[in-house]
Protein backbone atom coordinates (compact mmCIF):
# COMPACT_ATOMS: atom_id res chain seq x y z
CA MET A 1 -71.00 6.53 6.65
CA LYS A 2 -69.94 3.38 8.39
CA THR A 3 -66.70 1.52 7.77
CA ILE A 4 -67.07 -2.22 7.23
CA GLN A 5 -64.72 -5.09 6.71
CA MET A 6 -65.41 -7.76 4.10
CA THR A 7 -63.84 -10.80 2.53
CA ILE A 8 -63.45 -10.86 -1.24
CA ASP A 9 -61.88 -13.29 -3.67
CA GLU A 10 -58.46 -12.10 -4.84
CA SER A 11 -59.30 -12.37 -8.53
CA LEU A 12 -62.48 -10.33 -8.03
CA LEU A 13 -60.53 -7.72 -6.08
CA ALA A 14 -58.00 -7.53 -8.92
CA GLN A 15 -60.84 -6.86 -11.37
CA VAL A 16 -62.26 -4.19 -9.07
CA ASP A 17 -58.85 -2.54 -8.70
CA GLU A 18 -58.35 -2.51 -12.47
CA THR A 19 -61.81 -1.05 -13.00
CA VAL A 20 -61.53 1.67 -10.36
CA GLN A 21 -58.23 2.74 -11.89
CA GLN A 22 -59.86 3.01 -15.33
CA LEU A 23 -62.81 4.93 -13.87
CA ASN A 24 -60.59 7.13 -11.70
CA THR A 25 -62.56 6.33 -8.56
CA THR A 26 -62.02 4.39 -5.35
CA ARG A 27 -62.81 0.85 -4.28
CA SER A 28 -65.28 2.14 -1.73
CA ALA A 29 -67.13 4.36 -4.20
CA PHE A 30 -67.22 1.63 -6.81
CA ILE A 31 -68.50 -1.00 -4.38
CA ARG A 32 -71.09 1.41 -2.93
CA GLU A 33 -72.43 2.13 -6.41
CA ALA A 34 -72.44 -1.57 -7.31
CA LEU A 35 -74.42 -2.38 -4.15
CA GLU A 36 -76.89 0.44 -4.84
CA GLN A 37 -77.43 -0.84 -8.39
CA ALA A 38 -77.84 -4.43 -7.19
CA LEU A 39 -80.41 -3.38 -4.58
CA ALA A 40 -82.31 -1.26 -7.14
CA GLU A 41 -82.36 -4.21 -9.56
CA LEU A 42 -83.64 -6.49 -6.80
CA ARG A 43 -86.42 -4.00 -5.98
CA ARG A 44 -87.37 -3.78 -9.69
CA HIS A 45 -87.44 -7.56 -9.94
CA GLN A 46 -89.63 -7.83 -6.83
CA MET A 47 -92.05 -5.22 -8.19
CA GLU A 48 -92.22 -7.03 -11.54
CA GLU A 49 -92.99 -10.28 -9.71
CA GLU A 50 -95.73 -8.57 -7.70
CA ASP A 51 -97.17 -7.09 -10.90
CA ALA A 52 -97.13 -10.48 -12.64
CA ALA A 53 -98.76 -12.14 -9.61
CA GLY A 54 -101.49 -9.49 -9.69
CA TYR A 55 -102.19 -10.18 -13.37
CA ARG A 56 -102.29 -13.92 -12.65
CA ARG A 57 -104.87 -13.29 -9.92
CA MET A 58 -106.85 -10.83 -12.07
CA PRO A 59 -105.97 -11.18 -15.76
CA ALA A 60 -106.67 -8.22 -18.04
CA GLN A 61 -109.91 -8.48 -19.97
CA VAL A 62 -109.87 -8.38 -23.78
CA ALA A 63 -111.88 -5.14 -23.78
CA GLU A 64 -109.32 -3.46 -21.50
CA VAL A 65 -106.49 -4.31 -23.85
CA ALA A 66 -108.35 -3.70 -27.12
CA GLU A 67 -108.96 -0.03 -26.42
CA TRP A 68 -105.18 0.59 -26.24
CA GLU A 69 -104.17 -1.33 -29.39
CA ALA A 70 -104.23 1.81 -31.58
CA GLU A 71 -101.66 3.40 -29.25
CA GLN A 72 -99.14 0.72 -30.20
CA ILE A 73 -98.80 1.92 -33.79
CA TRP A 74 -95.39 3.55 -34.09
CA GLY A 75 -95.76 4.86 -37.62
CA ASP A 76 -93.30 5.24 -40.49
CA GLU A 77 -91.02 7.70 -38.68
CA TRP A 78 -90.19 4.99 -36.12
CA ASN A 79 -89.51 2.37 -38.78
CA ALA A 80 -87.34 4.80 -40.81
CA GLU A 81 -84.91 5.17 -37.87
CA LYS A 82 -84.07 1.48 -37.81
């Protein structure tokens, strides 16, 4: 691992310190996990954008979608859980 130095707003740092105390962890561990989650979310968003762009370039045909419509029926057991 590499040690870094960063600037952070005092009120944000206070929130981090309160949270790490509640979670019984460290600032470093908490910030590492937060950065990992933010990067994963960014990658998901980029992949969703690429997927949407692909469908804009080549929209799904009605026949492609129609054959899967029956798979969308959840049945009474799904509705009973709500």
